[in-house]
Amino acid sequence: MNQMIRTATQLGAHIQEARLRAGISQQQLAEMIGKHQKTISSIEQGNKGTKLETLLLVLAALDLNMEMSKRSKASPDIADIF
């Protein structure tokens, strides 16, 4: 399932959904990547201070890929910008 993510909050929600689908607790995910449970909680809440390295570890542990694409300028809707 591909999902467009443009904010830290959207990313956190997507990670939380993937974790729950996998049946993994925040504590279990944290242990898998060698971090604290509060780090996972912070990511899922959309806090912006997450290190890229930590985010990549979380994505790998959840078998997720991150892809980038050019933003479409066709839509004048301000919600598409953010």
PDB file of N, CA and C in Angstrom:
ATOM      1  N   MET A   1       0.845  -1.178   0.000  1.00  0.00           N
ATOM      2  CA  MET A   1       0.000   0.000   0.000  1.00  0.00           C
ATOM      3  C   MET A   1       0.891   1.242   0.000  1.00  0.00           C
ATOM      4  N   ASN A   2       0.746   2.073  -0.996  1.00  0.00           N
ATOM      5  CA  ASN A   2       1.481   3.327  -1.056  1.00  0.00           C
ATOM      6  C   ASN A   2       0.639   4.427  -0.439  1.00  0.00           C
ATOM      7  N   GLN A   3       1.314   5.294   0.314  1.00  0.00           N
ATOM      8  CA  GLN A   3       0.608   6.398   0.948  1.00  0.00           C
ATOM      9  C   GLN A   3       1.487   7.637   0.868  1.00  0.00           C
ATOM     10  N   MET A   4       0.901   8.735   0.442  1.00  0.00           N
ATOM     11  CA  MET A   4       1.637   9.985   0.388  1.00  0.00           C
ATOM     12  C   MET A   4       1.709  10.572   1.798  1.00  0.00           C
ATOM     13  N   ILE A   5       2.908  10.913   2.206  1.00  0.00           N
ATOM     14  CA  ILE A   5       3.124  11.466   3.539  1.00  0.00           C
ATOM     15  C   ILE A   5       3.893  12.768   3.385  1.00  0.00           C
ATOM     16  N   ARG A   6       3.342  13.829   3.982  1.00  0.00           N
ATOM     17  CA  ARG A   6       3.982  15.136   3.866  1.00  0.00           C
ATOM     18  C   ARG A   6       4.224  15.811   5.203  1.00  0.00           C
ATOM     19  N   THR A   7       3.811  15.200   6.293  1.00  0.00           N
ATOM     20  CA  THR A   7       4.046  15.795   7.603  1.00  0.00           C
ATOM     21  C   THR A   7       4.553  14.730   8.569  1.00  0.00           C
ATOM     22  N   ALA A   8       5.185  15.180   9.631  1.00  0.00           N
ATOM     23  CA  ALA A   8       5.649  14.257  10.665  1.00  0.00           C
ATOM     24  C   ALA A   8       4.476  13.534  11.312  1.00  0.00           C
ATOM     25  N   THR A   9       3.350  14.208  11.447  1.00  0.00           N
ATOM     26  CA  THR A   9       2.164  13.590  12.035  1.00  0.00           C
ATOM     27  C   THR A   9       1.648  12.460  11.151  1.00  0.00           C
ATOM     28  N   GLN A  10       1.609  12.678   9.851  1.00  0.00           N
ATOM     29  CA  GLN A  10       1.171  11.635   8.929  1.00  0.00           C
ATOM     30  C   GLN A  10       2.126  10.447   8.966  1.00  0.00           C
ATOM     31  N   LEU A  11       3.412  10.728   9.016  1.00  0.00           N
ATOM     32  CA  LEU A  11       4.409   9.662   9.071  1.00  0.00           C
ATOM     33  C   LEU A  11       4.247   8.848  10.349  1.00  0.00           C
ATOM     34  N   GLY A  12       4.077   9.523  11.465  1.00  0.00           N
ATOM     35  CA  GLY A  12       3.890   8.836  12.738  1.00  0.00           C
ATOM     36  C   GLY A  12       2.664   7.946  12.738  1.00  0.00           C
ATOM     37  N   ALA A  13       1.577   8.448  12.181  1.00  0.00           N
ATOM     38  CA  ALA A  13       0.340   7.666  12.119  1.00  0.00           C
ATOM     39  C   ALA A  13       0.524   6.435  11.236  1.00  0.00           C
ATOM     40  N   HIS A  14       1.227   6.595  10.132  1.00  0.00           N
ATOM     41  CA  HIS A  14       1.461   5.466   9.225  1.00  0.00           C
ATOM     42  C   HIS A  14       2.329   4.407   9.897  1.00  0.00           C
ATOM     43  N   ILE A  15       3.349   4.845  10.612  1.00  0.00           N
ATOM     44  CA  ILE A  15       4.219   3.910  11.331  1.00  0.00           C
ATOM     45  C   ILE A  15       3.423   3.180  12.408  1.00  0.00           C
ATOM     46  N   GLN A  16       2.594   3.906  13.128  1.00  0.00           N
ATOM     47  CA  GLN A  16       1.778   3.276  14.166  1.00  0.00           C
ATOM     48  C   GLN A  16       0.846   2.223  13.563  1.00  0.00           C
ATOM     49  N   GLU A  17       0.197   2.557  12.456  1.00  0.00           N
ATOM     50  CA  GLU A  17      -0.695   1.601  11.791  1.00  0.00           C
ATOM     51  C   GLU A  17       0.061   0.345  11.381  1.00  0.00           C
ATOM     52  N   ALA A  18       1.253   0.519  10.821  1.00  0.00           N
ATOM     53  CA  ALA A  18       2.050  -0.625  10.383  1.00  0.00           C
ATOM     54  C   ALA A  18       2.474  -1.480  11.584  1.00  0.00           C
ATOM     55  N   ARG A  19       2.841  -0.828  12.665  1.00  0.00           N
ATOM     56  CA  ARG A  19       3.243  -1.552  13.880  1.00  0.00           C
ATOM     57  C   ARG A  19       2.076  -2.359  14.429  1.00  0.00           C
ATOM     58  N   LEU A  20       0.911  -1.746  14.494  1.00  0.00           N
ATOM     59  CA  LEU A  20      -0.260  -2.442  15.014  1.00  0.00           C
ATOM     60  C   LEU A  20      -0.670  -3.605  14.110  1.00  0.00           C
ATOM     61  N   ARG A  21      -0.611  -3.412  12.791  1.00  0.00           N
ATOM     62  CA  ARG A  21      -0.914  -4.499  11.852  1.00  0.00           C
ATOM     63  C   ARG A  21       0.035  -5.677  12.049  1.00  0.00           C
ATOM     64  N   ALA A  22       1.276  -5.372  12.404  1.00  0.00           N
ATOM     65  CA  ALA A  22       2.281  -6.415  12.621  1.00  0.00           C
ATOM     66  C   ALA A  22       2.135  -7.072  13.996  1.00  0.00           C
ATOM     67  N   GLY A  23       1.279  -6.497  14.850  1.00  0.00           N
ATOM     68  CA  GLY A  23       1.076  -7.060  16.181  1.00  0.00           C
ATOM     69  C   GLY A  23       2.259  -6.856  17.104  1.00  0.00           C
ATOM     70  N   ILE A  24       2.948  -5.731  16.923  1.00  0.00           N
ATOM     71  CA  ILE A  24       4.143  -5.428  17.707  1.00  0.00           C
ATOM     72  C   ILE A  24       3.844  -4.253  18.637  1.00  0.00           C
ATOM     73  N   SER A  25       4.244  -4.357  19.889  1.00  0.00           N
ATOM     74  CA  SER A  25       4.078  -3.243  20.825  1.00  0.00           C
ATOM     75  C   SER A  25       5.186  -2.216  20.588  1.00  0.00           C
ATOM     76  N   GLN A  26       4.983  -1.022  21.123  1.00  0.00           N
ATOM     77  CA  GLN A  26       6.036  -0.007  21.039  1.00  0.00           C
ATOM     78  C   GLN A  26       7.311  -0.514  21.699  1.00  0.00           C
ATOM     79  N   GLN A  27       7.172  -1.184  22.831  1.00  0.00           N
ATOM     80  CA  GLN A  27       8.338  -1.707  23.544  1.00  0.00           C
ATOM     81  C   GLN A  27       9.080  -2.738  22.700  1.00  0.00           C
ATOM     82  N   GLN A  28       8.343  -3.621  22.057  1.00  0.00           N
ATOM     83  CA  GLN A  28       8.973  -4.642  21.213  1.00  0.00           C
ATOM     84  C   GLN A  28       9.708  -4.004  20.033  1.00  0.00           C
ATOM     85  N   LEU A  29       9.080  -3.022  19.410  1.00  0.00           N
ATOM     86  CA  LEU A  29       9.720  -2.337  18.287  1.00  0.00           C
ATOM     87  C   LEU A  29      10.985  -1.627  18.747  1.00  0.00           C
ATOM     88  N   ALA A  30      10.897  -0.979  19.885  1.00  0.00           N
ATOM     89  CA  ALA A  30      12.063  -0.279  20.436  1.00  0.00           C
ATOM     90  C   ALA A  30      13.210  -1.262  20.677  1.00  0.00           C
ATOM     91  N   GLU A  31      12.900  -2.411  21.234  1.00  0.00           N
ATOM     92  CA  GLU A  31      13.932  -3.415  21.488  1.00  0.00           C
ATOM     93  C   GLU A  31      14.538  -3.939  20.193  1.00  0.00           C
ATOM     94  N   MET A  32      13.725  -4.069  19.165  1.00  0.00           N
ATOM     95  CA  MET A  32      14.206  -4.549  17.869  1.00  0.00           C
ATOM     96  C   MET A  32      15.263  -3.627  17.279  1.00  0.00           C
ATOM     97  N   ILE A  33      15.136  -2.323  17.549  1.00  0.00           N
ATOM     98  CA  ILE A  33      16.068  -1.358  16.943  1.00  0.00           C
ATOM     99  C   ILE A  33      17.060  -0.792  17.951  1.00  0.00           C
ATOM    100  N   GLY A  34      17.008  -1.260  19.184  1.00  0.00           N
ATOM    101  CA  GLY A  34      17.961  -0.808  20.190  1.00  0.00           C
ATOM    102  C   GLY A  34      17.690   0.594  20.712  1.00  0.00           C
ATOM    103  N   LYS A  35      16.426   0.959  20.792  1.00  0.00           N
ATOM    104  CA  LYS A  35      16.045   2.285  21.290  1.00  0.00           C
ATOM    105  C   LYS A  35      15.070   2.127  22.438  1.00  0.00           C
ATOM    106  N   HIS A  36      14.671   3.244  23.034  1.00  0.00           N
ATOM    107  CA  HIS A  36      13.715   3.246  24.132  1.00  0.00           C
ATOM    108  C   HIS A  36      12.290   3.324  23.593  1.00  0.00           C
ATOM    109  N   GLN A  37      11.336   2.817  24.359  1.00  0.00           N
ATOM    110  CA  GLN A  37       9.917   2.861  23.986  1.00  0.00           C
ATOM    111  C   GLN A  37       9.455   4.287  23.761  1.00  0.00           C
ATOM    112  N   LYS A  38       9.976   5.231  24.561  1.00  0.00           N
ATOM    113  CA  LYS A  38       9.551   6.621  24.412  1.00  0.00           C
ATOM    114  C   LYS A  38       9.964   7.193  23.042  1.00  0.00           C
ATOM    115  N   THR A  39      11.008   6.639  22.443  1.00  0.00           N
ATOM    116  CA  THR A  39      11.415   7.070  21.105  1.00  0.00           C
ATOM    117  C   THR A  39      10.342   6.682  20.088  1.00  0.00           C
ATOM    118  N   ILE A  40       9.831   5.463  20.199  1.00  0.00           N
ATOM    119  CA  ILE A  40       8.775   5.011  19.287  1.00  0.00           C
ATOM    120  C   ILE A  40       7.519   5.845  19.495  1.00  0.00           C
ATOM    121  N   SER A  41       7.174   6.090  20.746  1.00  0.00           N
ATOM    122  CA  SER A  41       6.008   6.914  21.056  1.00  0.00           C
ATOM    123  C   SER A  41       6.152   8.306  20.443  1.00  0.00           C
ATOM    124  N   SER A  42       7.326   8.873  20.563  1.00  0.00           N
ATOM    125  CA  SER A  42       7.585  10.210  20.019  1.00  0.00           C
ATOM    126  C   SER A  42       7.417  10.232  18.500  1.00  0.00           C
ATOM    127  N   ILE A  43       7.927   9.216  17.829  1.00  0.00           N
ATOM    128  CA  ILE A  43       7.787   9.128  16.374  1.00  0.00           C
ATOM    129  C   ILE A  43       6.320   9.029  15.993  1.00  0.00           C
ATOM    130  N   GLU A  44       5.595   8.164  16.679  1.00  0.00           N
ATOM    131  CA  GLU A  44       4.181   7.946  16.354  1.00  0.00           C
ATOM    132  C   GLU A  44       3.325   9.179  16.635  1.00  0.00           C
ATOM    133  N   GLN A  45       3.765  10.015  17.560  1.00  0.00           N
ATOM    134  CA  GLN A  45       3.035  11.251  17.855  1.00  0.00           C
ATOM    135  C   GLN A  45       3.360  12.362  16.867  1.00  0.00           C
ATOM    136  N   GLY A  46       4.325  12.114  15.994  1.00  0.00           N
ATOM    137  CA  GLY A  46       4.667  13.098  14.972  1.00  0.00           C
ATOM    138  C   GLY A  46       5.648  14.153  15.428  1.00  0.00           C
ATOM    139  N   ASN A  47       6.362  13.882  16.516  1.00  0.00           N
ATOM    140  CA  ASN A  47       7.374  14.843  16.963  1.00  0.00           C
ATOM    141  C   ASN A  47       8.471  14.940  15.916  1.00  0.00           C
ATOM    142  N   LYS A  48       8.958  16.127  15.706  1.00  0.00           N
ATOM    143  CA  LYS A  48       9.847  16.398  14.583  1.00  0.00           C
ATOM    144  C   LYS A  48      11.324  16.185  14.879  1.00  0.00           C
ATOM    145  N   GLY A  49      11.696  15.818  16.091  1.00  0.00           N
ATOM    146  CA  GLY A  49      13.105  15.709  16.449  1.00  0.00           C
ATOM    147  C   GLY A  49      13.727  14.348  16.223  1.00  0.00           C
ATOM    148  N   THR A  50      13.096  13.482  15.459  1.00  0.00           N
ATOM    149  CA  THR A  50      13.610  12.139  15.240  1.00  0.00           C
ATOM    150  C   THR A  50      14.809  12.156  14.308  1.00  0.00           C
ATOM    151  N   LYS A  51      15.849  11.422  14.689  1.00  0.00           N
ATOM    152  CA  LYS A  51      17.016  11.296  13.820  1.00  0.00           C
ATOM    153  C   LYS A  51      16.663  10.432  12.621  1.00  0.00           C
ATOM    154  N   LEU A  52      17.209  10.784  11.485  1.00  0.00           N
ATOM    155  CA  LEU A  52      16.953  10.027  10.261  1.00  0.00           C
ATOM    156  C   LEU A  52      17.373   8.573  10.436  1.00  0.00           C
ATOM    157  N   GLU A  53      18.491   8.336  11.061  1.00  0.00           N
ATOM    158  CA  GLU A  53      18.975   6.978  11.282  1.00  0.00           C
ATOM    159  C   GLU A  53      17.951   6.151  12.066  1.00  0.00           C
ATOM    160  N   THR A  54      17.362   6.746  13.092  1.00  0.00           N
ATOM    161  CA  THR A  54      16.345   6.049  13.889  1.00  0.00           C
ATOM    162  C   THR A  54      15.121   5.749  13.046  1.00  0.00           C
ATOM    163  N   LEU A  55      14.686   6.710  12.274  1.00  0.00           N
ATOM    164  CA  LEU A  55      13.527   6.511  11.405  1.00  0.00           C
ATOM    165  C   LEU A  55      13.774   5.368  10.421  1.00  0.00           C
ATOM    166  N   LEU A  56      14.953   5.317   9.843  1.00  0.00           N
ATOM    167  CA  LEU A  56      15.270   4.257   8.894  1.00  0.00           C
ATOM    168  C   LEU A  56      15.293   2.889   9.575  1.00  0.00           C
ATOM    169  N   LEU A  57      15.763   2.829  10.813  1.00  0.00           N
ATOM    170  CA  LEU A  57      15.730   1.579  11.575  1.00  0.00           C
ATOM    171  C   LEU A  57      14.291   1.120  11.816  1.00  0.00           C
ATOM    172  N   VAL A  58      13.413   2.060  12.172  1.00  0.00           N
ATOM    173  CA  VAL A  58      12.005   1.743  12.409  1.00  0.00           C
ATOM    174  C   VAL A  58      11.364   1.216  11.127  1.00  0.00           C
ATOM    175  N   LEU A  59      11.595   1.904  10.028  1.00  0.00           N
ATOM    176  CA  LEU A  59      11.018   1.475   8.755  1.00  0.00           C
ATOM    177  C   LEU A  59      11.491   0.078   8.385  1.00  0.00           C
ATOM    178  N   ALA A  60      12.777  -0.190   8.560  1.00  0.00           N
ATOM    179  CA  ALA A  60      13.313  -1.512   8.239  1.00  0.00           C
ATOM    180  C   ALA A  60      12.707  -2.583   9.138  1.00  0.00           C
ATOM    181  N   ALA A  61      12.573  -2.291  10.420  1.00  0.00           N
ATOM    182  CA  ALA A  61      12.007  -3.265  11.361  1.00  0.00           C
ATOM    183  C   ALA A  61      10.559  -3.598  11.022  1.00  0.00           C
ATOM    184  N   LEU A  62       9.855  -2.649  10.436  1.00  0.00           N
ATOM    185  CA  LEU A  62       8.451  -2.855  10.059  1.00  0.00           C
ATOM    186  C   LEU A  62       8.297  -3.294   8.604  1.00  0.00           C
ATOM    187  N   ASP A  63       9.417  -3.588   7.947  1.00  0.00           N
ATOM    188  CA  ASP A  63       9.419  -3.993   6.536  1.00  0.00           C
ATOM    189  C   ASP A  63       8.755  -2.956   5.636  1.00  0.00           C
ATOM    190  N   LEU A  64       9.063  -1.691   5.902  1.00  0.00           N
ATOM    191  CA  LEU A  64       8.542  -0.584   5.096  1.00  0.00           C
ATOM    192  C   LEU A  64       9.676   0.040   4.292  1.00  0.00           C
ATOM    193  N   ASN A  65       9.348   0.549   3.118  1.00  0.00           N
ATOM    194  CA  ASN A  65      10.279   1.313   2.293  1.00  0.00           C
ATOM    195  C   ASN A  65       9.849   2.761   2.264  1.00  0.00           C
ATOM    196  N   MET A  66      10.805   3.638   2.060  1.00  0.00           N
ATOM    197  CA  MET A  66      10.499   5.048   1.880  1.00  0.00           C
ATOM    198  C   MET A  66      10.911   5.418   0.462  1.00  0.00           C
ATOM    199  N   GLU A  67       9.994   5.998  -0.265  1.00  0.00           N
ATOM    200  CA  GLU A  67      10.267   6.425  -1.627  1.00  0.00           C
ATOM    201  C   GLU A  67       9.994   7.911  -1.742  1.00  0.00           C
ATOM    202  N   MET A  68      10.737   8.569  -2.600  1.00  0.00           N
ATOM    203  CA  MET A  68      10.520   9.998  -2.815  1.00  0.00           C
ATOM    204  C   MET A  68      10.114  10.218  -4.264  1.00  0.00           C
ATOM    205  N   SER A  69       9.264  11.198  -4.446  1.00  0.00           N
ATOM    206  CA  SER A  69       8.863  11.578  -5.796  1.00  0.00           C
ATOM    207  C   SER A  69       8.666  13.088  -5.838  1.00  0.00           C
ATOM    208  N   LYS A  70       8.706  13.620  -7.014  1.00  0.00           N
ATOM    209  CA  LYS A  70       8.520  15.050  -7.201  1.00  0.00           C
ATOM    210  C   LYS A  70       7.075  15.404  -6.884  1.00  0.00           C
ATOM    211  N   ARG A  71       6.888  16.521  -6.193  1.00  0.00           N
ATOM    212  CA  ARG A  71       5.532  16.988  -5.877  1.00  0.00           C
ATOM    213  C   ARG A  71       4.844  17.504  -7.124  1.00  0.00           C
ATOM    214  N   SER A  72       3.572  17.208  -7.199  1.00  0.00           N
ATOM    215  CA  SER A  72       2.767  17.698  -8.310  1.00  0.00           C
ATOM    216  C   SER A  72       2.379  19.148  -8.031  1.00  0.00           C
ATOM    217  N   LYS A  73       2.544  19.992  -9.011  1.00  0.00           N
ATOM    218  CA  LYS A  73       2.162  21.406  -8.881  1.00  0.00           C
ATOM    219  C   LYS A  73       0.808  21.667  -9.516  1.00  0.00           C
ATOM    220  N   ALA A  74       0.135  20.624  -9.995  1.00  0.00           N
ATOM    221  CA  ALA A  74      -1.125  20.789 -10.721  1.00  0.00           C
ATOM    222  C   ALA A  74      -2.272  21.228  -9.825  1.00  0.00           C
ATOM    223  N   SER A  75      -2.260  20.812  -8.570  1.00  0.00           N
ATOM    224  CA  SER A  75      -3.386  21.116  -7.691  1.00  0.00           C
ATOM    225  C   SER A  75      -3.140  22.412  -6.929  1.00  0.00           C
ATOM    226  N   PRO A  76      -4.089  23.364  -6.992  1.00  0.00           N
ATOM    227  CA  PRO A  76      -3.922  24.617  -6.269  1.00  0.00           C
ATOM    228  C   PRO A  76      -4.337  24.529  -4.804  1.00  0.00           C
ATOM    229  N   ASP A  77      -4.756  23.335  -4.342  1.00  0.00           N
ATOM    230  CA  ASP A  77      -5.224  23.159  -2.984  1.00  0.00           C
ATOM    231  C   ASP A  77      -4.062  23.283  -1.998  1.00  0.00           C
ATOM    232  N   ILE A  78      -4.157  24.199  -1.036  1.00  0.00           N
ATOM    233  CA  ILE A  78      -3.089  24.419  -0.064  1.00  0.00           C
ATOM    234  C   ILE A  78      -2.813  23.184   0.771  1.00  0.00           C
ATOM    235  N   ALA A  79      -3.797  22.322   0.965  1.00  0.00           N
ATOM    236  CA  ALA A  79      -3.619  21.092   1.745  1.00  0.00           C
ATOM    237  C   ALA A  79      -2.636  20.148   1.059  1.00  0.00           C
ATOM    238  N   ASP A  80      -2.499  20.253  -0.244  1.00  0.00           N
ATOM    239  CA  ASP A  80      -1.553  19.399  -0.975  1.00  0.00           C
ATOM    240  C   ASP A  80      -0.113  19.849  -0.783  1.00  0.00           C
ATOM    241  N   ILE A  81       0.084  21.066  -0.322  1.00  0.00           N
ATOM    242  CA  ILE A  81       1.433  21.576  -0.138  1.00  0.00           C
ATOM    243  C   ILE A  81       2.030  21.078   1.159  1.00  0.00           C
ATOM    244  N   PHE A  82       1.191  20.904   2.150  1.00  0.00           N
ATOM    245  CA  PHE A  82       1.685  20.527   3.468  1.00  0.00           C
ATOM    246  C   PHE A  82       1.248  19.156   3.874  1.00  0.00           C
TER     247      PHE A  82
END
